[in-house]
Amino acid sequence: MKKILYIATIGFTLLTSSCNDFLDRQVPQGIVTGDQIASPEYVDNLVISAYAIWATGDDINSSFSLWNYDVRSDDCYKGGSGTEDGGVFNALEISKGINTTDWNINDIWKRLYQCITRANTALQSLDLMDEKTYPLKDQRIAEMRFLRGHAHFMLKELFKKIVIVDDENMDPDAYNELSNTTYTNNEQWQKIADDFQFAYDNLPEVQIEKGRPTQAAAAAYLAKTYLFKAYRQDGVNNNLTGIDEEDLKQVVKYTDPLIMAKAGYGLENDYSMNFLPQYENGAESVWAIQYSINDGTYNGNLNWGMGLTTPQILGCCDFHKPSQNLVNAFKTDSQGKPLFNTYDNENYEVTTDNVDPRLFHTVGMPGFPYKYNEGYLIQKNDDWSRSKGLYGYYVSLKENVDPDCDCLKKGSYWASSLNHIVIRYADVLLMRAEALIQLNDGRIADAISLINDVRSRAAGSTMLIFNYKEEYGVNFKVTPYELKAYTQDEAMKMLKWERRIEFGMESSRFFDLVRWGEAKDVINAYYVTEAARCSIYKNAGFTENKNEYLPIPFEQISASNGNYTQNFGW
């Protein structure tokens, strides 16, 4: 059993309720007295419950990892047995037939607001505590504001026009007046940043219990928030209207290596270590959702959000399948550099093309071991892929574990205790590099050095695939960029490429494209080339100023007393 912040399911009664559907409604189980509310034990339970929901409240059909929603990117296909298997996600991946009444859109909205409710409920009781009675008051408040910021951030990147619920002591009647247009787009980002700022100011440098965020974790999330905020969408639509210099400076400030060093964060020696249970909570894991097995509960607190992504050979369900376009993006030239303009002209050939080692930690390739286990050689057949070739024969690796791992619970759906890393140190490096490039104030060379740190680690990430050259004919070749003068455009091309390769299948690609204002062009070009490989894209089409964000769910607008406004284009 992992020694982590224990995330047992705790039953409790909410202190307030709301008429709005997005709040976490629960049936009262009894009366909680004022003395109980103000007791350290009760408050601790509320705090733990706010953590617990990120495990117990996850769902295979609308995962908190957001893999179900990153099928809109060029990284992956929905997968499964066909287009009707999880049809609402097929609509997302082809950008057609999406309805405001689709259950998957309403479900992720509700469950993320339930997470906010848990944090706010804990904050209500924390506000009542005396610091002498509860010495960790400010730290626990910081933790709850971190969790609240995390949920608001996810909602923001999914829906854009969201309801900010940051007053835990709001009068219950006031919930009926909440609106998703009270604040501008920029002001909503700032509200999220304010929570992470408080967390940064009040969290310790090191946490004994690994599930709790550190000061550096808050700094990293604060930087991420400012990076998204910097790319302004201040008009009525979703067009990029500018890149804010002051926000970029905040990104640089909060990705300072000294902040990260105090918490002991850094790159793992081998890329694969980020996705293996035996290396969990390592140097690169800035903050992760913690899962457990054999922890005294019936099923353990497992990562059910990834229950659909195991390949068919294990019983179910073969969703979240890497695209051919993504596989081709890992190819490199004779010098070990990306094939920026020609990577997708021809499909990757194992024995003739050079390739970045990260491919074999990201994508399960036919003819190769699944999760480094030679007892499971991936094959191009129905035993491994449910769709009879419709979605190809690649399988996703990062979120899955070795089938022989004792961290895996087998059944109709498979779930493991593998943590879900929300922010990796590599992301901190690349966020800093991006801000330096966009500032364009003479520090592009520093940005290239940061990108090179990530590439150099990739080049040496052969700990578990050291024999792939001899056994399978793989030609690994990836090298750092030359330290010379680059234009801002050249540096941004390198940065964007590195983000895609480094975080492939980690469900950040689509949100990066939206942030950069490139979603329409990249996705529509992808539809054209990928249609020849995957027929589902023949009638696909991304509509600018619409498909960048999900629609506000019809159910939520109907319950809002007229206070919610639908997103542009819907």
Protein backbone atom coordinates (compact mmCIF):
# COMPACT_ATOMS: atom_id res chain seq x y z
CA MET A 1 0.00 0.00 0.00
CA LYS A 2 1.34 3.38 -0.99
CA LYS A 3 2.29 5.76 1.81
CA ILE A 4 0.30 8.71 0.56
CA LEU A 5 -2.36 11.06 1.75
CA TYR A 6 -5.07 8.52 2.46
CA ILE A 7 -8.08 9.19 0.29
CA ALA A 8 -10.88 7.20 1.86
CA THR A 9 -14.46 7.99 1.03
CA ILE A 10 -15.86 10.18 3.78
CA GLY A 11 -19.57 10.80 4.22
CA PHE A 12 -20.60 14.23 5.34
CA THR A 13 -23.48 16.69 5.18
CA LEU A 14 -23.04 19.88 3.19
CA LEU A 15 -23.60 23.02 5.18
CA THR A 16 -25.39 24.76 2.34
CA SER A 17 -27.25 23.67 -0.75
CA SER A 18 -28.16 25.26 -4.03
CA CYS A 19 -30.94 25.24 -6.57
CA ASN A 20 -28.35 25.15 -9.33
CA ASP A 21 -27.75 21.66 -10.67
CA PHE A 22 -23.97 21.95 -10.79
CA LEU A 23 -23.56 21.82 -7.03
CA ASP A 24 -22.83 18.60 -5.20
CA ARG A 25 -26.25 17.54 -3.95
CA GLN A 26 -26.28 14.93 -1.20
CA VAL A 27 -29.06 13.42 0.87
CA PRO A 28 -28.68 14.59 4.51
CA GLN A 29 -27.75 11.74 6.84
CA GLY A 30 -28.22 13.57 10.14
CA ILE A 31 -27.61 16.79 12.01
CA VAL A 32 -24.11 18.17 12.44
CA THR A 33 -23.70 20.29 15.56
CA GLY A 34 -21.73 23.51 15.76
CA ASP A 35 -19.17 21.88 18.04
CA GLN A 36 -18.60 19.12 15.50
CA ILE A 37 -18.17 21.60 12.67
CA ALA A 38 -15.52 23.45 14.66
CA SER A 39 -13.62 20.32 15.71
CA PRO A 40 -10.21 19.54 14.17
CA GLU A 41 -11.29 15.96 13.46
CA TYR A 42 -14.35 17.06 11.50
CA VAL A 43 -12.37 19.62 9.53
CA ASP A 44 -9.70 17.04 8.73
CA ASN A 45 -12.41 14.75 7.35
CA LEU A 46 -13.75 17.53 5.14
CA VAL A 47 -10.25 18.27 3.84
CA ILE A 48 -9.62 14.60 3.09
CA SER A 49 -12.99 14.40 1.36
CA ALA A 50 -12.00 17.28 -0.92
CA TYR A 51 -8.96 15.26 -1.97
CA ALA A 52 -10.89 11.99 -2.15
CA ILE A 53 -13.34 13.11 -4.80
CA TRP A 54 -10.54 13.36 -7.35
CA ALA A 55 -10.26 9.57 -7.08
CA THR A 56 -13.70 8.39 -6.00
CA GLY A 57 -15.51 10.89 -8.22
CA ASP A 58 -13.65 10.02 -11.40
CA ASP A 59 -15.43 8.22 -14.21
CA ILE A 60 -14.39 6.14 -17.21
CA ASN A 61 -16.69 8.07 -19.55
CA SER A 62 -15.58 11.60 -18.66
CA SER A 63 -12.23 11.21 -16.99
CA PHE A 64 -10.58 13.91 -14.90
CA SER A 65 -7.48 13.20 -17.01
CA LEU A 66 -9.56 14.65 -19.90
CA TRP A 67 -8.41 11.97 -22.34
CA ASN A 68 -12.02 11.68 -23.54
CA TYR A 69 -11.91 15.34 -24.58
CA ASP A 70 -8.43 15.34 -26.12
CA VAL A 71 -9.77 13.08 -28.88
CA ARG A 72 -10.43 16.45 -30.54
CA SER A 73 -6.66 16.77 -31.14
CA ASP A 74 -4.38 15.25 -33.76
CA ASP A 75 -2.79 12.97 -31.15
CA CYS A 76 -5.42 10.26 -30.88
CA TYR A 77 -8.56 8.51 -32.03
CA LYS A 78 -11.50 7.75 -29.78
CA GLY A 79 -11.10 4.02 -30.32
CA GLY A 80 -13.44 1.34 -29.05
CA SER A 81 -15.39 -1.00 -31.31
CA GLY A 82 -16.63 1.63 -33.76
CA THR A 83 -18.04 5.12 -34.13
CA GLU A 84 -21.23 4.29 -32.20
CA ASP A 85 -19.28 2.96 -29.23
CA GLY A 86 -19.18 6.13 -27.16
CA GLY A 87 -20.76 8.02 -30.03
CA VAL A 88 -20.76 11.37 -28.26
CA PHE A 89 -16.96 11.22 -28.29
CA ASN A 90 -16.96 10.37 -31.98
CA ALA A 91 -18.81 13.66 -32.43
CA LEU A 92 -16.01 15.42 -30.57
CA GLU A 93 -13.25 13.81 -32.61
CA ILE A 94 -14.81 14.82 -35.94
CA SER A 95 -16.17 18.17 -34.67
CA LYS A 96 -19.61 17.32 -36.04
CA GLY A 97 -22.91 16.41 -34.40
CA ILE A 98 -22.06 17.82 -30.97
CA ASN A 99 -25.19 18.80 -29.05
CA THR A 100 -25.64 20.95 -25.96
CA THR A 101 -27.68 18.06 -24.51
CA ASP A 102 -24.89 15.47 -24.85
CA TRP A 103 -24.44 13.67 -21.54
CA ASN A 104 -20.63 13.72 -21.63
CA ILE A 105 -20.61 17.51 -21.71
CA ASN A 106 -22.99 17.92 -18.78
CA ASP A 107 -21.29 15.15 -16.80
CA ILE A 108 -17.80 16.67 -16.71
CA TRP A 109 -19.31 20.09 -15.86
CA LYS A 110 -21.25 18.67 -12.89
CA ARG A 111 -18.46 16.55 -11.49
CA LEU A 112 -15.87 19.32 -11.62
CA TYR A 113 -18.26 21.62 -9.77
CA GLN A 114 -18.77 18.84 -7.24
CA CYS A 115 -15.02 18.99 -6.66
CA ILE A 116 -15.31 22.73 -6.09
CA THR A 117 -18.16 22.15 -3.65
CA ARG A 118 -16.03 19.73 -1.64
CA ALA A 119 -13.22 22.28 -1.42
CA ASN A 120 -15.61 25.10 -0.50
CA THR A 121 -17.30 22.99 2.16
CA ALA A 122 -13.94 22.34 3.78
CA LEU A 123 -13.09 26.03 3.51
CA GLN A 124 -16.32 26.95 5.32
CA SER A 125 -15.30 24.94 8.34
CA LEU A 126 -11.67 26.01 8.14
CA ASP A 127 -12.81 29.63 8.32
CA LEU A 128 -14.43 28.84 11.68
CA MET A 129 -11.30 27.33 13.17
CA ASP A 130 -9.00 29.09 15.60
CA GLU A 131 -5.31 28.85 14.75
CA LYS A 132 -4.47 27.84 18.31
CA THR A 133 -6.88 24.92 18.07
CA TYR A 134 -5.93 24.12 14.50
CA PRO A 135 -2.33 25.26 13.83
CA LEU A 136 -2.40 24.10 10.19
CA LYS A 137 -5.36 26.33 9.36
CA ASP A 138 -3.65 28.53 6.74
CA GLN A 139 -1.88 25.59 5.14
CA ARG A 140 -5.09 23.60 4.82
CA ILE A 141 -6.90 26.64 3.42
CA ALA A 142 -4.11 26.91 0.86
CA GLU A 143 -4.53 23.24 -0.07
CA MET A 144 -8.27 23.67 -0.56
CA ARG A 145 -7.80 26.77 -2.68
CA PHE A 146 -5.27 24.84 -4.75
CA LEU A 147 -7.84 22.09 -5.36
CA ARG A 148 -10.52 24.67 -6.14
CA GLY A 149 -8.17 26.37 -8.58
CA HIS A 150 -7.43 23.03 -10.23
CA ALA A 151 -11.12 22.36 -10.84
CA HIS A 152 -11.80 25.89 -12.09
CA PHE A 153 -8.79 25.64 -14.43
CA MET A 154 -10.07 22.42 -15.99
CA LEU A 155 -13.52 23.91 -16.44
CA LYS A 156 -12.02 27.02 -17.99
CA GLU A 157 -10.00 25.18 -20.62
CA LEU A 158 -13.02 23.02 -21.46
CA PHE A 159 -15.84 25.58 -21.44
CA LYS A 160 -14.32 29.10 -21.40
CA LYS A 161 -17.44 30.83 -19.99
CA ILE A 162 -17.65 29.31 -16.55
CA VAL A 163 -19.15 30.15 -13.18
CA ILE A 164 -16.53 31.18 -10.65
CA VAL A 165 -17.55 29.85 -7.23
CA ASP A 166 -14.83 31.26 -5.01
CA ASP A 167 -16.84 32.52 -2.03
CA GLU A 168 -17.24 29.56 0.28
CA ASN A 169 -19.37 31.63 2.66
CA MET A 170 -21.86 32.78 0.07
CA ASP A 171 -25.47 33.03 1.20
CA PRO A 172 -27.35 30.01 -0.19
CA ASP A 173 -29.83 32.24 -2.01
CA ALA A 174 -26.96 33.93 -3.84
CA TYR A 175 -26.18 30.71 -5.70
CA ASN A 176 -29.33 31.27 -7.73
CA GLU A 177 -27.88 34.52 -9.05
CA LEU A 178 -24.51 33.18 -10.16
CA SER A 179 -23.62 33.91 -13.76
CA ASN A 180 -20.93 32.81 -16.18
CA THR A 181 -20.56 36.37 -17.47
CA THR A 182 -20.02 38.18 -14.16
CA TYR A 183 -16.33 38.31 -15.02
CA THR A 184 -14.63 38.80 -18.36
CA ASN A 185 -12.53 36.02 -19.84
CA ASN A 186 -9.38 37.65 -18.50
CA GLU A 187 -10.93 38.26 -15.08
CA GLN A 188 -11.94 34.62 -14.80
CA TRP A 189 -8.34 33.56 -15.41
CA GLN A 190 -7.24 36.04 -12.75
CA LYS A 191 -9.70 34.59 -10.24
CA ILE A 192 -8.15 31.17 -10.81
CA ALA A 193 -4.68 32.66 -10.46
CA ASP A 194 -5.70 34.25 -7.15
CA ASP A 195 -6.38 30.82 -5.65
CA PHE A 196 -2.99 29.52 -6.73
CA GLN A 197 -1.34 32.72 -5.49
CA PHE A 198 -2.79 32.16 -2.02
CA ALA A 199 -1.64 28.56 -2.18
CA TYR A 200 1.87 29.65 -3.16
CA ASP A 201 2.01 32.14 -0.29
CA ASN A 202 0.89 29.64 2.34
CA LEU A 203 2.03 26.15 1.36
CA PRO A 204 5.25 24.60 2.70
CA GLU A 205 8.25 23.89 0.51
CA VAL A 206 7.99 20.16 1.22
CA GLN A 207 5.00 17.99 2.13
CA ILE A 208 5.44 14.73 4.03
CA GLU A 209 2.21 13.37 2.56
CA LYS A 210 2.83 13.26 -1.18
CA GLY A 211 -0.75 13.90 -2.20
CA ARG A 212 -0.69 17.41 -0.79
CA PRO A 213 0.62 20.21 -3.04
CA THR A 214 3.83 22.04 -2.19
CA GLN A 215 4.64 25.70 -2.62
CA ALA A 216 6.46 24.82 -5.84
CA ALA A 217 3.42 22.91 -7.12
CA ALA A 218 1.34 26.03 -6.56
CA ALA A 219 4.01 28.08 -8.36
CA ALA A 220 3.89 25.70 -11.33
CA TYR A 221 0.10 25.84 -11.54
CA LEU A 222 0.17 29.61 -11.10
CA ALA A 223 2.61 29.82 -14.01
CA LYS A 224 0.37 27.58 -16.11
CA THR A 225 -2.62 29.78 -15.35
CA TYR A 226 -0.75 32.92 -16.34
CA LEU A 227 0.47 31.24 -19.52
CA PHE A 228 -3.09 30.47 -20.60
CA LYS A 229 -4.20 33.93 -19.46
CA ALA A 230 -1.44 35.55 -21.53
CA TYR A 231 -2.99 34.37 -24.78
CA ARG A 232 -5.88 36.81 -24.75
CA GLN A 233 -9.27 36.03 -26.24
CA ASP A 234 -10.85 39.33 -25.32
CA GLY A 235 -13.30 39.62 -28.20
CA VAL A 236 -16.81 38.22 -28.41
CA ASN A 237 -15.46 35.14 -30.23
CA ASN A 238 -12.50 32.82 -29.61
CA ASN A 239 -9.93 34.56 -31.77
CA LEU A 240 -6.52 35.28 -30.28
CA THR A 241 -6.38 39.05 -29.74
CA GLY A 242 -2.87 39.37 -28.34
CA ILE A 243 -0.24 37.98 -25.99
CA ASP A 244 0.14 39.85 -22.73
CA GLU A 245 3.71 40.66 -21.69
CA GLU A 246 2.96 41.11 -17.99
CA ASP A 247 1.36 37.67 -17.79
CA LEU A 248 4.40 36.15 -19.49
CA LYS A 249 6.64 37.78 -16.90
CA GLN A 250 4.60 36.05 -14.20
CA VAL A 251 5.22 32.73 -15.94
CA VAL A 252 8.96 33.36 -15.83
CA LYS A 253 8.76 34.43 -12.18
CA TYR A 254 6.94 31.31 -10.98
CA THR A 255 8.98 28.83 -13.00
CA ASP A 256 12.18 30.02 -11.36
CA PRO A 257 14.49 26.99 -10.97
CA LEU A 258 15.23 28.03 -7.39
CA ILE A 259 11.57 27.59 -6.43
CA MET A 260 11.50 24.11 -7.94
CA ALA A 261 14.84 23.11 -6.42
CA LYS A 262 13.59 23.79 -2.89
CA ALA A 263 11.00 21.06 -3.35
CA GLY A 264 13.49 18.72 -5.00
CA TYR A 265 11.84 18.73 -8.42
CA GLY A 266 13.76 17.88 -11.57
CA LEU A 267 13.73 15.66 -14.64
CA GLU A 268 13.73 11.91 -14.14
CA ASN A 269 16.81 10.19 -15.53
CA ASP A 270 14.66 8.17 -17.91
CA TYR A 271 11.43 9.35 -19.53
CA SER A 272 9.70 6.03 -18.82
CA MET A 273 9.96 6.55 -15.06
CA ASN A 274 7.10 9.06 -15.21
CA PHE A 275 4.69 6.32 -16.24
CA LEU A 276 5.68 3.38 -14.06
CA PRO A 277 4.20 2.72 -10.59
CA GLN A 278 7.54 1.80 -9.03
CA TYR A 279 8.80 5.36 -9.63
CA GLU A 280 5.72 7.28 -8.48
CA ASN A 281 6.10 10.60 -6.68
CA GLY A 282 9.57 10.96 -8.12
CA ALA A 283 11.48 14.13 -8.86
CA GLU A 284 9.45 15.02 -11.94
CA SER A 285 6.01 14.64 -10.36
CA VAL A 286 5.25 18.22 -9.30
CA TRP A 287 1.70 17.33 -8.35
CA ALA A 288 -0.29 14.16 -8.98
CA ILE A 289 -3.64 12.63 -8.14
CA GLN A 290 -2.85 9.72 -5.83
CA TYR A 291 -4.42 6.29 -6.21
CA SER A 292 -4.09 3.16 -4.10
CA ILE A 293 -4.85 -0.56 -4.02
CA ASN A 294 -5.08 -2.99 -1.10
CA ASP A 295 -5.64 -0.03 1.20
CA GLY A 296 -8.34 -1.54 3.39
CA THR A 297 -11.26 -0.51 1.19
CA TYR A 298 -13.21 -3.00 -0.92
CA ASN A 299 -11.91 -1.98 -4.34
CA GLY A 300 -9.11 0.34 -3.34
CA ASN A 301 -9.00 3.95 -4.52
CA LEU A 302 -8.13 3.10 -8.10
CA ASN A 303 -7.82 5.18 -11.24
CA TRP A 304 -11.11 4.22 -12.87
CA GLY A 305 -10.86 7.22 -15.17
CA MET A 306 -8.54 5.18 -17.36
CA GLY A 307 -10.69 2.05 -17.27
CA LEU A 308 -11.48 2.16 -20.99
CA THR A 309 -7.98 2.64 -22.36
CA THR A 310 -6.51 -0.83 -21.90
CA PRO A 311 -6.10 -2.82 -25.14
CA GLN A 312 -8.62 -5.49 -26.07
CA ILE A 313 -6.19 -8.33 -25.30
CA LEU A 314 -6.79 -7.66 -21.61
CA GLY A 315 -10.57 -7.91 -21.95
CA CYS A 316 -11.67 -4.34 -22.65
CA CYS A 317 -11.91 -1.66 -24.08
CA ASP A 318 -9.31 -0.25 -26.51
CA PHE A 319 -10.20 3.44 -26.35
CA HIS A 320 -7.77 6.38 -26.60
CA LYS A 321 -5.72 5.06 -29.51
CA PRO A 322 -2.69 6.97 -30.83
CA SER A 323 -3.06 8.44 -34.30
CA GLN A 324 -0.74 7.71 -37.21
CA ASN A 325 -0.02 11.43 -37.34
CA LEU A 326 1.32 11.35 -33.79
CA VAL A 327 3.48 8.30 -34.48
CA ASN A 328 4.97 9.99 -37.54
CA ALA A 329 5.75 13.10 -35.50
CA PHE A 330 8.39 11.15 -33.56
CA LYS A 331 10.49 10.59 -36.68
CA THR A 332 13.79 12.47 -36.85
CA ASP A 333 16.24 13.36 -39.61
CA SER A 334 19.81 12.19 -40.01
CA GLN A 335 20.91 14.77 -37.43
CA GLY A 336 18.33 13.73 -34.85
CA LYS A 337 16.11 16.78 -35.36
CA PRO A 338 12.34 16.86 -36.02
CA LEU A 339 10.99 16.62 -39.56
CA PHE A 340 8.95 19.77 -39.09
CA ASN A 341 7.52 20.01 -42.60
CA THR A 342 7.72 16.46 -43.96
CA TYR A 343 7.10 14.18 -40.97
CA ASP A 344 3.67 13.08 -42.18
CA ASN A 345 4.53 12.51 -45.84
CA GLU A 346 5.29 8.85 -45.19
CA ASN A 347 4.36 6.58 -42.30
CA TYR A 348 7.06 5.63 -39.82
CA GLU A 349 9.07 2.55 -40.83
CA VAL A 350 10.82 0.89 -37.91
CA THR A 351 13.97 -0.35 -39.62
CA THR A 352 14.61 2.58 -41.97
CA ASP A 353 13.57 5.76 -40.15
CA ASN A 354 15.30 7.48 -37.25
CA VAL A 355 13.04 8.01 -34.28
CA ASP A 356 12.79 9.69 -30.89
CA PRO A 357 12.85 7.08 -28.05
CA ARG A 358 9.82 8.73 -26.50
CA LEU A 359 7.67 7.04 -29.15
CA PHE A 360 8.13 3.65 -27.51
CA HIS A 361 7.14 5.01 -24.09
CA THR A 362 4.04 6.67 -25.54
CA VAL A 363 2.68 4.32 -28.19
CA GLY A 364 2.34 0.55 -28.12
CA MET A 365 3.54 -0.56 -31.55
CA PRO A 366 2.59 -3.84 -33.28
CA GLY A 367 5.40 -6.36 -32.95
CA PHE A 368 6.73 -4.78 -29.75
CA PRO A 369 6.21 -5.62 -26.06
CA TYR A 370 3.28 -4.00 -24.32
CA LYS A 371 4.54 -1.97 -21.34
CA TYR A 372 7.99 -3.59 -21.76
CA ASN A 373 6.55 -7.06 -20.99
CA GLU A 374 7.72 -9.53 -23.64
CA GLY A 375 4.93 -11.86 -22.62
CA TYR A 376 2.53 -9.46 -24.33
CA LEU A 377 3.65 -8.76 -27.91
CA ILE A 378 1.26 -6.36 -29.61
CA GLN A 379 -0.26 -7.76 -32.79
CA LYS A 380 -2.24 -6.39 -35.73
CA ASN A 381 -5.34 -8.44 -35.01
CA ASP A 382 -8.74 -8.37 -33.36
CA ASP A 383 -7.32 -9.77 -30.14
CA TRP A 384 -5.58 -6.45 -29.59
CA SER A 385 -7.87 -3.95 -31.32
CA ARG A 386 -11.67 -4.03 -31.19
CA SER A 387 -12.41 -1.94 -34.27
CA LYS A 388 -11.06 -4.42 -36.87
CA GLY A 389 -8.58 -1.85 -38.07
CA LEU A 390 -10.88 1.19 -38.19
CA TYR A 391 -8.79 2.94 -35.54
CA GLY A 392 -5.56 1.18 -36.41
CA TYR A 393 -3.50 -1.09 -34.19
CA TYR A 394 -1.54 1.28 -31.98
CA VAL A 395 -2.34 1.29 -28.26
CA SER A 396 -1.78 3.90 -25.57
CA LEU A 397 0.96 3.20 -23.02
CA LYS A 398 1.45 6.03 -20.56
CA GLU A 399 -1.72 5.67 -18.51
CA ASN A 400 -1.60 1.88 -18.56
CA VAL A 401 0.48 -0.60 -16.56
CA ASP A 402 2.13 -3.97 -17.06
CA PRO A 403 -0.66 -6.60 -17.04
CA ASP A 404 1.35 -8.57 -14.48
CA CYS A 405 1.57 -5.63 -12.06
CA ASP A 406 0.05 -6.15 -8.62
CA CYS A 407 -1.15 -2.55 -8.89
CA LEU A 408 -3.81 -3.64 -11.39
CA LYS A 409 -7.37 -4.73 -10.58
CA LYS A 410 -8.82 -6.90 -13.32
CA GLY A 411 -12.49 -7.21 -14.18
CA SER A 412 -15.06 -5.94 -16.67
CA TYR A 413 -13.06 -2.72 -16.62
CA TRP A 414 -9.44 -2.53 -15.61
CA ALA A 415 -8.15 0.00 -13.13
CA SER A 416 -4.79 0.53 -11.49
CA SER A 417 -3.24 2.49 -8.66
CA LEU A 418 -0.92 4.34 -11.05
CA ASN A 419 -0.94 8.03 -10.14
CA HIS A 420 -2.14 10.62 -12.63
CA ILE A 421 0.51 13.34 -12.86
CA VAL A 422 -1.18 16.71 -13.35
CA ILE A 423 2.03 18.74 -13.73
CA ARG A 424 5.45 17.34 -14.57
CA TYR A 425 8.72 19.22 -14.18
CA ALA A 426 9.22 18.95 -17.95
CA ASP A 427 6.10 21.10 -18.28
CA VAL A 428 7.62 23.70 -15.96
CA LEU A 429 10.72 23.86 -18.18
CA LEU A 430 8.73 24.19 -21.39
CA MET A 431 6.31 26.76 -19.94
CA ARG A 432 9.31 28.84 -18.96
CA ALA A 433 10.84 28.39 -22.40
CA GLU A 434 7.60 29.44 -24.08
CA ALA A 435 7.31 32.60 -21.99
CA LEU A 436 10.93 33.55 -22.70
CA ILE A 437 10.42 33.08 -26.43
CA GLN A 438 7.20 35.08 -26.51
CA LEU A 439 8.75 37.89 -24.46
CA ASN A 440 11.48 38.06 -27.12
CA ASP A 441 13.67 40.18 -24.86
CA GLY A 442 17.03 38.63 -25.65
CA ARG A 443 16.59 35.35 -23.77
CA ILE A 444 15.66 33.02 -26.62
CA ALA A 445 18.99 31.24 -26.13
CA ASP A 446 17.94 30.47 -22.55
CA ALA A 447 14.69 29.02 -23.88
CA ILE A 448 16.53 26.78 -26.34
CA SER A 449 18.69 25.50 -23.49
CA LEU A 450 15.55 24.51 -21.58
CA ILE A 451 14.16 22.71 -24.61
CA ASN A 452 17.52 20.97 -24.96
CA ASP A 453 17.31 19.76 -21.36
CA VAL A 454 14.13 17.92 -22.30
CA ARG A 455 15.59 16.59 -25.57
CA SER A 456 18.80 15.41 -23.92
CA ARG A 457 16.81 13.46 -21.35
CA ALA A 458 14.80 11.93 -24.19
CA ALA A 459 17.96 10.81 -25.98
CA GLY A 460 19.05 8.81 -22.96
CA SER A 461 15.66 7.29 -22.19
CA THR A 462 16.46 3.74 -23.26
CA MET A 463 16.62 2.05 -19.86
CA LEU A 464 13.81 -0.36 -20.76
CA ILE A 465 14.26 -0.37 -24.54
CA PHE A 466 18.04 -0.65 -24.75
CA ASN A 467 17.76 -3.81 -26.89
CA TYR A 468 15.32 -2.43 -29.45
CA LYS A 469 18.06 -1.77 -32.00
CA GLU A 470 19.37 -5.33 -31.86
CA GLU A 471 16.03 -7.08 -31.42
CA TYR A 472 13.76 -5.00 -33.64
CA GLY A 473 16.00 -2.80 -35.79
CA VAL A 474 14.91 0.50 -34.22
CA ASN A 475 17.14 3.49 -34.99
CA PHE A 476 17.03 5.88 -32.04
CA LYS A 477 18.33 9.36 -32.81
CA VAL A 478 17.41 12.60 -31.08
CA THR A 479 19.83 15.44 -30.39
CA PRO A 480 19.74 18.90 -28.79
CA TYR A 481 19.44 21.99 -30.97
CA GLU A 482 22.59 23.90 -31.83
CA LEU A 483 23.18 26.87 -29.56
CA LYS A 484 23.02 29.62 -32.15
CA ALA A 485 20.80 32.59 -32.91
CA TYR A 486 17.19 31.73 -33.69
CA THR A 487 14.29 33.97 -34.62
CA GLN A 488 11.23 34.04 -32.40
CA ASP A 489 9.25 32.09 -35.01
CA GLU A 490 11.94 29.42 -35.27
CA ALA A 491 12.13 29.05 -31.51
CA MET A 492 8.34 28.81 -31.16
CA LYS A 493 8.26 26.08 -33.80
CA MET A 494 10.78 24.10 -31.74
CA LEU A 495 8.86 24.73 -28.53
CA LYS A 496 5.51 23.69 -29.96
CA TRP A 497 7.01 20.53 -31.43
CA GLU A 498 8.67 19.63 -28.16
CA ARG A 499 5.43 20.03 -26.24
CA ARG A 500 3.65 17.67 -28.59
CA ILE A 501 6.32 14.97 -28.41
CA GLU A 502 7.00 15.30 -24.68
CA PHE A 503 3.33 15.25 -23.66
CA GLY A 504 1.91 13.00 -26.38
CA MET A 505 -1.24 11.17 -25.18
CA GLU A 506 -1.23 13.13 -21.89
CA SER A 507 -4.29 15.11 -22.99
CA SER A 508 -2.76 18.56 -23.28
CA ARG A 509 -2.43 18.82 -27.06
CA PHE A 510 -5.88 20.18 -27.92
CA PHE A 511 -5.71 22.85 -25.23
CA ASP A 512 -2.27 23.94 -26.44
CA LEU A 513 -3.62 24.38 -29.97
CA VAL A 514 -6.54 26.47 -28.72
CA ARG A 515 -4.23 28.59 -26.59
CA TRP A 516 -1.95 29.30 -29.55
CA GLY A 517 -4.91 30.12 -31.81
CA GLU A 518 -3.97 27.26 -34.15
CA ALA A 519 -6.74 24.73 -33.56
CA LYS A 520 -8.71 25.31 -36.76
CA ASP A 521 -5.73 25.18 -39.11
CA VAL A 522 -3.97 22.24 -37.46
CA ILE A 523 -7.07 20.11 -36.91
CA ASN A 524 -8.58 20.65 -40.37
CA ALA A 525 -5.23 19.83 -42.01
CA TYR A 526 -5.10 16.71 -39.86
CA TYR A 527 -8.59 15.69 -40.94
CA VAL A 528 -7.54 15.86 -44.60
CA THR A 529 -4.41 13.71 -44.29
CA GLU A 530 -5.73 11.33 -41.65
CA ALA A 531 -8.95 10.55 -43.56
CA ALA A 532 -6.97 8.24 -45.85
CA ARG A 533 -5.82 6.27 -42.81
CA CYS A 534 -8.95 6.47 -40.65
CA SER A 535 -12.22 6.80 -42.56
CA ILE A 536 -14.08 8.43 -39.66
CA TYR A 537 -12.57 11.77 -40.69
CA LYS A 538 -14.00 11.87 -44.24
CA ASN A 539 -16.79 14.26 -43.24
CA ALA A 540 -15.01 15.91 -40.33
CA GLY A 541 -14.64 19.66 -40.11
CA PHE A 542 -13.52 22.02 -37.35
CA THR A 543 -15.52 25.25 -37.19
CA GLU A 544 -13.54 28.27 -36.05
CA ASN A 545 -15.03 30.26 -33.19
CA LYS A 546 -17.10 27.29 -32.11
CA ASN A 547 -15.21 24.04 -31.70
CA GLU A 548 -12.45 25.51 -29.55
CA TYR A 549 -14.70 25.01 -26.52
CA LEU A 550 -17.51 22.74 -25.45
CA PRO A 551 -20.97 24.28 -25.30
CA ILE A 552 -22.40 25.19 -21.93
CA PRO A 553 -24.65 22.20 -21.15
CA PHE A 554 -28.33 22.76 -21.92
CA GLU A 555 -29.28 21.36 -18.51
CA GLN A 556 -27.15 23.98 -16.77
CA ILE A 557 -28.51 26.88 -18.80
CA SER A 558 -32.05 25.69 -18.12
CA ALA A 559 -31.40 25.62 -14.36
CA SER A 560 -29.64 29.00 -14.23
CA ASN A 561 -32.66 31.31 -14.01
CA GLY A 562 -31.50 32.96 -17.20
CA ASN A 563 -28.09 33.85 -15.75
CA TYR A 564 -25.92 31.70 -18.03
CA THR A 565 -24.87 32.68 -21.53
CA GLN A 566 -24.02 30.11 -24.19
CA ASN A 567 -20.53 30.06 -25.70
CA PHE A 568 -19.98 31.81 -29.03
CA GLY A 569 -20.94 29.68 -32.03
CA TRP A 570 -23.29 27.40 -30.14
